[in-house]
C-alpha atoms as a PDB file:
ATOM      1  CA  UNK A   1     -22.383 -51.810  44.287  1.00  0.00           C
ATOM      2  CA  UNK A   2     -21.809 -54.662  41.827  1.00  0.00           C
ATOM      3  CA  UNK A   3     -25.004 -53.714  39.997  1.00  0.00           C
ATOM      4  CA  UNK A   4     -23.833 -50.113  39.643  1.00  0.00           C
ATOM      5  CA  UNK A   5     -20.571 -51.302  38.104  1.00  0.00           C
ATOM      6  CA  UNK A   6     -22.464 -53.538  35.680  1.00  0.00           C
ATOM      7  CA  UNK A   7     -24.776 -50.659  34.742  1.00  0.00           C
ATOM      8  CA  UNK A   8     -21.830 -48.345  34.113  1.00  0.00           C
ATOM      9  CA  UNK A   9     -20.066 -50.987  32.011  1.00  0.00           C
ATOM     10  CA  UNK A  10     -23.192 -51.631  29.919  1.00  0.00           C
ATOM     11  CA  UNK A  11     -23.910 -47.930  29.446  1.00  0.00           C
ATOM     12  CA  UNK A  12     -20.313 -47.213  28.447  1.00  0.00           C
ATOM     13  CA  UNK A  13     -20.253 -50.059  25.912  1.00  0.00           C
ATOM     14  CA  UNK A  14     -23.526 -48.939  24.299  1.00  0.00           C
ATOM     15  CA  UNK A  15     -22.287 -45.359  24.069  1.00  0.00           C
ATOM     16  CA  UNK A  16     -19.632 -46.547  21.593  1.00  0.00           C
ATOM     17  CA  UNK A  17     -22.292 -47.507  19.017  1.00  0.00           C
ATOM     18  CA  UNK A  18     -23.544 -44.122  17.689  1.00  0.00           C
ATOM     19  CA  UNK A  19     -21.656 -42.694  14.709  1.00  0.00           C
ATOM     20  CA  UNK A  20     -21.098 -39.185  13.387  1.00  0.00           C
ATOM     21  CA  UNK A  21     -24.323 -37.688  12.087  1.00  0.00           C
ATOM     22  CA  UNK A  22     -26.641 -40.007  14.044  1.00  0.00           C
ATOM     23  CA  UNK A  23     -29.881 -38.949  15.646  1.00  0.00           C
ATOM     24  CA  UNK A  24     -29.810 -40.742  18.996  1.00  0.00           C
ATOM     25  CA  UNK A  25     -32.724 -41.571  21.278  1.00  0.00           C
ATOM     26  CA  UNK A  26     -31.675 -41.016  24.887  1.00  0.00           C
ATOM     27  CA  UNK A  27     -33.335 -43.307  27.421  1.00  0.00           C
ATOM     28  CA  UNK A  28     -34.368 -42.771  31.018  1.00  0.00           C
ATOM     29  CA  UNK A  29     -33.293 -44.705  34.097  1.00  0.00           C
ATOM     30  CA  UNK A  30     -30.296 -45.685  36.158  1.00  0.00           C
ATOM     31  CA  UNK A  31     -28.442 -47.592  33.398  1.00  0.00           C
ATOM     32  CA  UNK A  32     -29.395 -45.195  30.600  1.00  0.00           C
ATOM     33  CA  UNK A  33     -27.893 -42.477  32.805  1.00  0.00           C
ATOM     34  CA  UNK A  34     -24.424 -43.991  32.364  1.00  0.00           C
ATOM     35  CA  UNK A  35     -24.925 -44.252  28.594  1.00  0.00           C
ATOM     36  CA  UNK A  36     -25.866 -40.562  28.343  1.00  0.00           C
ATOM     37  CA  UNK A  37     -22.867 -39.521  30.447  1.00  0.00           C
ATOM     38  CA  UNK A  38     -20.535 -41.643  28.286  1.00  0.00           C
ATOM     39  CA  UNK A  39     -22.061 -40.170  25.116  1.00  0.00           C
ATOM     40  CA  UNK A  40     -21.370 -36.726  26.535  1.00  0.00           C
ATOM     41  CA  UNK A  41     -17.691 -37.653  26.835  1.00  0.00           C
ATOM     42  CA  UNK A  42     -17.659 -38.750  23.186  1.00  0.00           C
ATOM     43  CA  UNK A  43     -19.318 -35.478  22.143  1.00  0.00           C
ATOM     44  CA  UNK A  44     -16.623 -33.535  23.998  1.00  0.00           C
ATOM     45  CA  UNK A  45     -14.053 -35.613  22.090  1.00  0.00           C
ATOM     46  CA  UNK A  46     -15.595 -34.616  18.741  1.00  0.00           C
ATOM     47  CA  UNK A  47     -18.549 -36.956  18.047  1.00  0.00           C
ATOM     48  CA  UNK A  48     -21.250 -35.160  16.048  1.00  0.00           C
ATOM     49  CA  UNK A  49     -24.695 -36.368  17.136  1.00  0.00           C
ATOM     50  CA  UNK A  50     -28.003 -34.894  18.171  1.00  0.00           C
ATOM     51  CA  UNK A  51     -30.176 -36.473  20.837  1.00  0.00           C
ATOM     52  CA  UNK A  52     -33.896 -36.846  21.473  1.00  0.00           C
ATOM     53  CA  UNK A  53     -34.562 -37.429  25.187  1.00  0.00           C
ATOM     54  CA  UNK A  54     -37.329 -39.673  26.533  1.00  0.00           C
ATOM     55  CA  UNK A  55     -37.964 -37.533  29.615  1.00  0.00           C
ATOM     56  CA  UNK A  56     -37.450 -34.079  31.075  1.00  0.00           C
ATOM     57  CA  UNK A  57     -34.909 -35.614  33.471  1.00  0.00           C
ATOM     58  CA  UNK A  58     -32.854 -37.057  30.618  1.00  0.00           C
ATOM     59  CA  UNK A  59     -33.064 -33.775  28.699  1.00  0.00           C
ATOM     60  CA  UNK A  60     -31.567 -31.955  31.696  1.00  0.00           C
ATOM     61  CA  UNK A  61     -28.783 -34.550  31.969  1.00  0.00           C
ATOM     62  CA  UNK A  62     -28.009 -34.399  28.234  1.00  0.00           C
ATOM     63  CA  UNK A  63     -27.683 -30.618  28.316  1.00  0.00           C
ATOM     64  CA  UNK A  64     -25.436 -30.866  31.372  1.00  0.00           C
ATOM     65  CA  UNK A  65     -23.012 -33.228  29.574  1.00  0.00           C
ATOM     66  CA  UNK A  66     -23.043 -31.247  26.332  1.00  0.00           C
ATOM     67  CA  UNK A  67     -25.253 -33.329  24.002  1.00  0.00           C
ATOM     68  CA  UNK A  68     -27.151 -31.127  21.508  1.00  0.00           C
ATOM     69  CA  UNK A  69     -30.878 -31.887  21.507  1.00  0.00           C
ATOM     70  CA  UNK A  70     -33.593 -31.937  18.879  1.00  0.00           C
ATOM     71  CA  UNK A  71     -37.237 -33.034  18.652  1.00  0.00           C
ATOM     72  CA  UNK A  72     -39.317 -35.626  16.820  1.00  0.00           C
ATOM     73  CA  UNK A  73     -40.939 -32.790  14.868  1.00  0.00           C
ATOM     74  CA  UNK A  74     -37.538 -31.987  13.362  1.00  0.00           C
ATOM     75  CA  UNK A  75     -36.249 -35.578  13.164  1.00  0.00           C
ATOM     76  CA  UNK A  76     -39.107 -38.134  13.132  1.00  0.00           C
ATOM     77  CA  UNK A  77     -36.692 -40.967  12.248  1.00  0.00           C
ATOM     78  CA  UNK A  78     -34.060 -41.948  14.808  1.00  0.00           C
ATOM     79  CA  UNK A  79     -30.898 -43.865  13.906  1.00  0.00           C
ATOM     80  CA  UNK A  80     -30.301 -45.569  17.251  1.00  0.00           C
ATOM     81  CA  UNK A  81     -31.862 -45.444  20.713  1.00  0.00           C
ATOM     82  CA  UNK A  82     -30.102 -46.503  23.905  1.00  0.00           C
ATOM     83  CA  UNK A  83     -32.439 -47.171  26.819  1.00  0.00           C
ATOM     84  CA  UNK A  84     -32.704 -49.261  29.966  1.00  0.00           C
ATOM     85  CA  UNK A  85     -35.246 -51.868  31.071  1.00  0.00           C
ATOM     86  CA  UNK A  86     -36.716 -53.277  34.257  1.00  0.00           C
ATOM     87  CA  UNK A  87     -36.879 -56.817  32.841  1.00  0.00           C
ATOM     88  CA  UNK A  88     -35.514 -58.490  29.715  1.00  0.00           C
ATOM     89  CA  UNK A  89     -36.612 -61.949  28.532  1.00  0.00           C
ATOM     90  CA  UNK A  90     -34.754 -64.283  26.099  1.00  0.00           C
ATOM     91  CA  UNK A  91     -36.647 -62.843  23.099  1.00  0.00           C
ATOM     92  CA  UNK A  92     -35.628 -59.339  24.262  1.00  0.00           C
ATOM     93  CA  UNK A  93     -39.201 -58.464  25.135  1.00  0.00           C
ATOM     94  CA  UNK A  94     -39.126 -55.925  27.943  1.00  0.00           C
ATOM     95  CA  UNK A  95     -40.941 -54.484  30.897  1.00  0.00           C
ATOM     96  CA  UNK A  96     -40.178 -50.783  31.121  1.00  0.00           C
ATOM     97  CA  UNK A  97     -41.577 -47.831  33.006  1.00  0.00           C
ATOM     98  CA  UNK A  98     -39.972 -48.023  36.429  1.00  0.00           C
ATOM     99  CA  UNK A  99     -38.806 -44.455  35.868  1.00  0.00           C
ATOM    100  CA  UNK A 100     -42.256 -43.334  34.716  1.00  0.00           C
ATOM    101  CA  UNK A 101     -41.236 -42.437  31.137  1.00  0.00           C
ATOM    102  CA  UNK A 102     -42.728 -45.468  29.348  1.00  0.00           C
ATOM    103  CA  UNK A 103     -44.932 -43.572  26.870  1.00  0.00           C
ATOM    104  CA  UNK A 104     -42.189 -41.353  25.511  1.00  0.00           C
ATOM    105  CA  UNK A 105     -39.762 -44.282  25.627  1.00  0.00           C
ATOM    106  CA  UNK A 106     -42.079 -46.367  23.445  1.00  0.00           C
ATOM    107  CA  UNK A 107     -42.634 -43.514  20.977  1.00  0.00           C
ATOM    108  CA  UNK A 108     -38.869 -43.090  20.646  1.00  0.00           C
ATOM    109  CA  UNK A 109     -38.305 -46.859  20.368  1.00  0.00           C
ATOM    110  CA  UNK A 110     -40.848 -47.280  17.569  1.00  0.00           C
ATOM    111  CA  UNK A 111     -39.352 -44.328  15.675  1.00  0.00           C
ATOM    112  CA  UNK A 112     -35.865 -45.885  15.830  1.00  0.00           C
ATOM    113  CA  UNK A 113     -34.052 -47.942  13.213  1.00  0.00           C
ATOM    114  CA  UNK A 114     -32.259 -49.738  16.049  1.00  0.00           C
ATOM    115  CA  UNK A 115     -33.244 -50.070  19.695  1.00  0.00           C
ATOM    116  CA  UNK A 116     -30.448 -51.045  22.093  1.00  0.00           C
ATOM    117  CA  UNK A 117     -31.182 -51.950  25.702  1.00  0.00           C
ATOM    118  CA  UNK A 118     -28.610 -51.565  28.463  1.00  0.00           C
ATOM    119  CA  UNK A 119     -28.982 -53.448  31.729  1.00  0.00           C
ATOM    120  CA  UNK A 120     -27.230 -55.152  34.612  1.00  0.00           C
ATOM    121  CA  UNK A 121     -27.396 -58.946  34.816  1.00  0.00           C
ATOM    122  CA  UNK A 122     -30.152 -58.834  37.438  1.00  0.00           C
ATOM    123  CA  UNK A 123     -32.631 -57.606  34.816  1.00  0.00           C
ATOM    124  CA  UNK A 124     -32.480 -60.840  32.809  1.00  0.00           C
ATOM    125  CA  UNK A 125     -35.457 -63.144  33.430  1.00  0.00           C
ATOM    126  CA  UNK A 126     -36.756 -66.348  31.882  1.00  0.00           C
ATOM    127  CA  UNK A 127     -40.344 -65.033  31.914  1.00  0.00           C
ATOM    128  CA  UNK A 128     -41.551 -61.447  32.291  1.00  0.00           C
ATOM    129  CA  UNK A 129     -43.641 -60.510  35.312  1.00  0.00           C
ATOM    130  CA  UNK A 130     -41.502 -60.436  38.429  1.00  0.00           C
ATOM    131  CA  UNK A 131     -41.374 -56.639  38.118  1.00  0.00           C
ATOM    132  CA  UNK A 132     -44.834 -54.983  38.314  1.00  0.00           C
ATOM    133  CA  UNK A 133     -45.994 -53.830  34.886  1.00  0.00           C
ATOM    134  CA  UNK A 134     -46.404 -50.031  34.719  1.00  0.00           C
ATOM    135  CA  UNK A 135     -49.416 -48.516  32.948  1.00  0.00           C
ATOM    136  CA  UNK A 136     -49.720 -44.827  32.231  1.00  0.00           C
ATOM    137  CA  UNK A 137     -53.389 -43.898  32.649  1.00  0.00           C
ATOM    138  CA  UNK A 138     -55.469 -40.755  32.588  1.00  0.00           C
ATOM    139  CA  UNK A 139     -56.699 -39.914  36.096  1.00  0.00           C
ATOM    140  CA  UNK A 140     -60.340 -39.710  34.918  1.00  0.00           C
ATOM    141  CA  UNK A 141     -60.314 -43.397  33.919  1.00  0.00           C
ATOM    142  CA  UNK A 142     -58.160 -44.845  36.685  1.00  0.00           C
ATOM    143  CA  UNK A 143     -60.921 -46.697  38.562  1.00  0.00           C
ATOM    144  CA  UNK A 144     -62.256 -48.257  35.355  1.00  0.00           C
ATOM    145  CA  UNK A 145     -58.749 -49.342  34.316  1.00  0.00           C
ATOM    146  CA  UNK A 146     -58.122 -50.829  37.760  1.00  0.00           C
ATOM    147  CA  UNK A 147     -61.252 -52.974  37.407  1.00  0.00           C
ATOM    148  CA  UNK A 148     -60.071 -54.138  33.996  1.00  0.00           C
ATOM    149  CA  UNK A 149     -56.665 -55.109  35.402  1.00  0.00           C
ATOM    150  CA  UNK A 150     -58.309 -57.159  38.157  1.00  0.00           C
ATOM    151  CA  UNK A 151     -60.467 -58.937  35.539  1.00  0.00           C
ATOM    152  CA  UNK A 152     -57.252 -59.885  33.719  1.00  0.00           C
ATOM    153  CA  UNK A 153     -55.821 -61.430  36.884  1.00  0.00           C
ATOM    154  CA  UNK A 154     -53.632 -58.475  37.859  1.00  0.00           C
ATOM    155  CA  UNK A 155     -53.307 -56.433  41.028  1.00  0.00           C
ATOM    156  CA  UNK A 156     -53.024 -52.663  40.314  1.00  0.00           C
ATOM    157  CA  UNK A 157     -51.414 -50.184  42.679  1.00  0.00           C
ATOM    158  CA  UNK A 158     -51.300 -46.415  42.192  1.00  0.00           C
ATOM    159  CA  UNK A 159     -47.737 -45.103  42.144  1.00  0.00           C
ATOM    160  CA  UNK A 160     -47.276 -42.363  44.722  1.00  0.00           C
ATOM    161  CA  UNK A 161     -44.507 -39.960  45.690  1.00  0.00           C
ATOM    162  CA  UNK A 162     -42.823 -39.790  49.100  1.00  0.00           C
ATOM    163  CA  UNK A 163     -45.505 -37.396  50.363  1.00  0.00           C
ATOM    164  CA  UNK A 164     -48.294 -39.816  49.404  1.00  0.00           C
ATOM    165  CA  UNK A 165     -49.560 -37.814  46.434  1.00  0.00           C
ATOM    166  CA  UNK A 166     -49.917 -39.525  43.038  1.00  0.00           C
ATOM    167  CA  UNK A 167     -46.812 -39.705  40.864  1.00  0.00           C
ATOM    168  CA  UNK A 168     -47.420 -37.625  37.723  1.00  0.00           C
ATOM    169  CA  UNK A 169     -45.653 -38.338  34.415  1.00  0.00           C
ATOM    170  CA  UNK A 170     -44.132 -35.745  32.099  1.00  0.00           C
ATOM    171  CA  UNK A 171     -47.388 -36.066  30.132  1.00  0.00           C
ATOM    172  CA  UNK A 172     -49.512 -35.173  33.163  1.00  0.00           C
ATOM    173  CA  UNK A 173     -50.874 -38.683  33.760  1.00  0.00           C
ATOM    174  CA  UNK A 174     -50.773 -41.254  36.572  1.00  0.00           C
ATOM    175  CA  UNK A 175     -49.057 -44.646  36.806  1.00  0.00           C
ATOM    176  CA  UNK A 176     -50.580 -47.944  37.888  1.00  0.00           C
ATOM    177  CA  UNK A 177     -48.015 -50.613  38.800  1.00  0.00           C
ATOM    178  CA  UNK A 178     -49.738 -53.922  38.034  1.00  0.00           C
ATOM    179  CA  UNK A 179     -48.608 -57.270  39.419  1.00  0.00           C
ATOM    180  CA  UNK A 180     -49.578 -60.145  37.103  1.00  0.00           C
ATOM    181  CA  UNK A 181     -47.108 -62.779  38.241  1.00  0.00           C
ATOM    182  CA  UNK A 182     -45.491 -64.654  35.369  1.00  0.00           C
ATOM    183  CA  UNK A 183     -46.805 -63.289  32.067  1.00  0.00           C
ATOM    184  CA  UNK A 184     -47.242 -66.393  29.934  1.00  0.00           C
ATOM    185  CA  UNK A 185     -48.195 -64.529  26.745  1.00  0.00           C
ATOM    186  CA  UNK A 186     -46.791 -60.964  26.703  1.00  0.00           C
ATOM    187  CA  UNK A 187     -48.084 -60.109  23.173  1.00  0.00           C
ATOM    188  CA  UNK A 188     -51.648 -61.138  24.110  1.00  0.00           C
ATOM    189  CA  UNK A 189     -51.578 -59.067  27.315  1.00  0.00           C
ATOM    190  CA  UNK A 190     -50.103 -56.125  25.396  1.00  0.00           C
ATOM    191  CA  UNK A 191     -53.002 -56.256  22.909  1.00  0.00           C
ATOM    192  CA  UNK A 192     -55.562 -56.431  25.714  1.00  0.00           C
ATOM    193  CA  UNK A 193     -54.076 -53.430  27.510  1.00  0.00           C
ATOM    194  CA  UNK A 194     -53.676 -51.380  24.330  1.00  0.00           C
ATOM    195  CA  UNK A 195     -57.389 -51.831  23.665  1.00  0.00           C
ATOM    196  CA  UNK A 196     -58.445 -50.574  27.106  1.00  0.00           C
ATOM    197  CA  UNK A 197     -59.854 -47.003  27.089  1.00  0.00           C
ATOM    198  CA  UNK A 198     -58.035 -44.794  29.581  1.00  0.00           C
ATOM    199  CA  UNK A 199     -54.688 -46.595  29.180  1.00  0.00           C
ATOM    200  CA  UNK A 200     -52.300 -44.139  27.547  1.00  0.00           C
ATOM    201  CA  UNK A 201     -49.524 -46.746  27.257  1.00  0.00           C
ATOM    202  CA  UNK A 202     -48.277 -49.940  28.916  1.00  0.00           C
ATOM    203  CA  UNK A 203     -44.743 -51.006  29.754  1.00  0.00           C
ATOM    204  CA  UNK A 204     -44.593 -54.145  27.605  1.00  0.00           C
ATOM    205  CA  UNK A 205     -42.116 -53.595  24.769  1.00  0.00           C
ATOM    206  CA  UNK A 206     -42.643 -56.465  22.348  1.00  0.00           C
ATOM    207  CA  UNK A 207     -40.303 -57.115  19.416  1.00  0.00           C
ATOM    208  CA  UNK A 208     -38.719 -53.649  19.477  1.00  0.00           C
ATOM    209  CA  UNK A 209     -35.235 -54.467  20.784  1.00  0.00           C
ATOM    210  CA  UNK A 210     -32.485 -55.468  18.350  1.00  0.00           C
ATOM    211  CA  UNK A 211     -29.660 -55.778  20.874  1.00  0.00           C
ATOM    212  CA  UNK A 212     -29.187 -55.942  24.647  1.00  0.00           C
ATOM    213  CA  UNK A 213     -25.877 -54.980  26.208  1.00  0.00           C
ATOM    214  CA  UNK A 214     -25.695 -56.499  29.665  1.00  0.00           C
ATOM    215  CA  UNK A 215     -23.089 -55.933  32.323  1.00  0.00           C
ATOM    216  CA  UNK A 216     -22.084 -59.221  33.924  1.00  0.00           C
ATOM    217  CA  UNK A 217     -19.406 -59.009  36.590  1.00  0.00           C
ATOM    218  CA  UNK A 218     -16.315 -57.512  34.978  1.00  0.00           C
ATOM    219  CA  UNK A 219     -17.481 -58.159  31.416  1.00  0.00           C
ATOM    220  CA  UNK A 220     -20.216 -57.054  29.032  1.00  0.00           C
ATOM    221  CA  UNK A 221     -22.391 -59.438  27.025  1.00  0.00           C
ATOM    222  CA  UNK A 222     -24.155 -58.676  23.767  1.00  0.00           C
ATOM    223  CA  UNK A 223     -27.459 -60.518  23.483  1.00  0.00           C
ATOM    224  CA  UNK A 224     -29.699 -60.738  20.440  1.00  0.00           C
ATOM    225  CA  UNK A 225     -33.272 -62.025  20.486  1.00  0.00           C
ATOM    226  CA  UNK A 226     -33.786 -65.767  20.501  1.00  0.00           C
ATOM    227  CA  UNK A 227     -36.393 -66.437  17.874  1.00  0.00           C
ATOM    228  CA  UNK A 228     -38.566 -69.518  17.911  1.00  0.00           C
ATOM    229  CA  UNK A 229     -37.319 -72.035  15.399  1.00  0.00           C
ATOM    230  CA  UNK A 230     -39.747 -72.807  12.636  1.00  0.00           C
ATOM    231  CA  UNK A 231     -40.053 -76.407  11.651  1.00  0.00           C
ATOM    232  CA  UNK A 232     -39.485 -76.654   7.973  1.00  0.00           C
ATOM    233  CA  UNK A 233     -41.402 -79.380   6.248  1.00  0.00           C
ATOM    234  CA  UNK A 234     -39.890 -80.730   3.093  1.00  0.00           C
ATOM    235  CA  UNK A 235     -42.069 -82.077   0.355  1.00  0.00           C
ATOM    236  CA  UNK A 236     -40.997 -85.102  -1.523  1.00  0.00           C
ATOM    237  CA  UNK A 237     -41.623 -84.688  -5.161  1.00  0.00           C
ATOM    238  CA  UNK A 238     -43.010 -87.725  -6.850  1.00  0.00           C
ATOM    239  CA  UNK A 239     -41.542 -88.308 -10.212  1.00  0.00           C
ATOM    240  CA  UNK A 240     -43.311 -90.343 -12.778  1.00  0.00           C
ATOM    241  CA  UNK A 241     -41.407 -93.309 -13.966  1.00  0.00           C
ATOM    242  CA  UNK A 242     -41.334 -93.571 -17.702  1.00  0.00           C
ATOM    243  CA  UNK A 243     -44.051 -95.985 -18.706  1.00  0.00           C
ATOM    244  CA  UNK A 244     -42.861 -99.142 -20.235  1.00  0.00           C
ATOM    245  CA  UNK A 245     -44.778 -99.999 -23.335  1.00  0.00           C
ATOM    246  CA  UNK A 246     -45.408-103.617 -23.869  1.00  0.00           C
ATOM    247  CA  UNK A 247     -43.821-104.890 -26.918  1.00  0.00           C
ATOM    248  CA  UNK A 248     -46.418-106.601 -29.012  1.00  0.00           C
ATOM    249  CA  UNK A 249     -45.241-109.305 -31.302  1.00  0.00           C
ATOM    250  CA  UNK A 250     -46.359-109.064 -34.828  1.00  0.00           C
ATOM    251  CA  UNK A 251     -47.821-112.122 -36.356  1.00  0.00           C
ATOM    252  CA  UNK A 252     -46.564-112.666 -39.805  1.00  0.00           C
END
């Protein structure tokens, strides 16, 4: 119950950010749900925005709350996106894809001038990897991708529905949920996965998030990425001392 209150608080706070005329990316998931509902209230109150949803489910919700929708074909540049996450580290790198919409979420995030993540406090981690990393894969290549994941030290598991059949994304693909344990180098793993044939997209979102709005008890925190400090080396400039010319005495 506390988590639901934190999610609602975070979603409501993020929904205050879009301005008149904005194209808004609409995320998928339990916390993004509250942001979309709160945006719908602002639209009813007169806010002029258009939304681009990251899933069929979010599109249905947006229509239900009165948010006009558009497409990337019509608006390839998005002003602000509000989306959830399964894990958030101190640099605001994310694991996403618990809702199965990771590919469209990443397309929307990369097309956005500003990506805002909404989450409850339980999503904050020191190191990514507690939550299994989702991979969207084409069914034809699933076995090959599974072998690759094992070679990288991961344990893949096919996501299935309640009836035991494979979960299918809005793009018609399958999801592998891959347990890696603590991911020491998220950018390196992201590069490895991106280069694997058969992987449509992975759930590591590296360097895309500008702001996280996190519900924490009765309050909401705004978190910006902690960047590694660069050690600045200062050079001492050597200055030449004016040479002293020896005075030579003249013999007379």
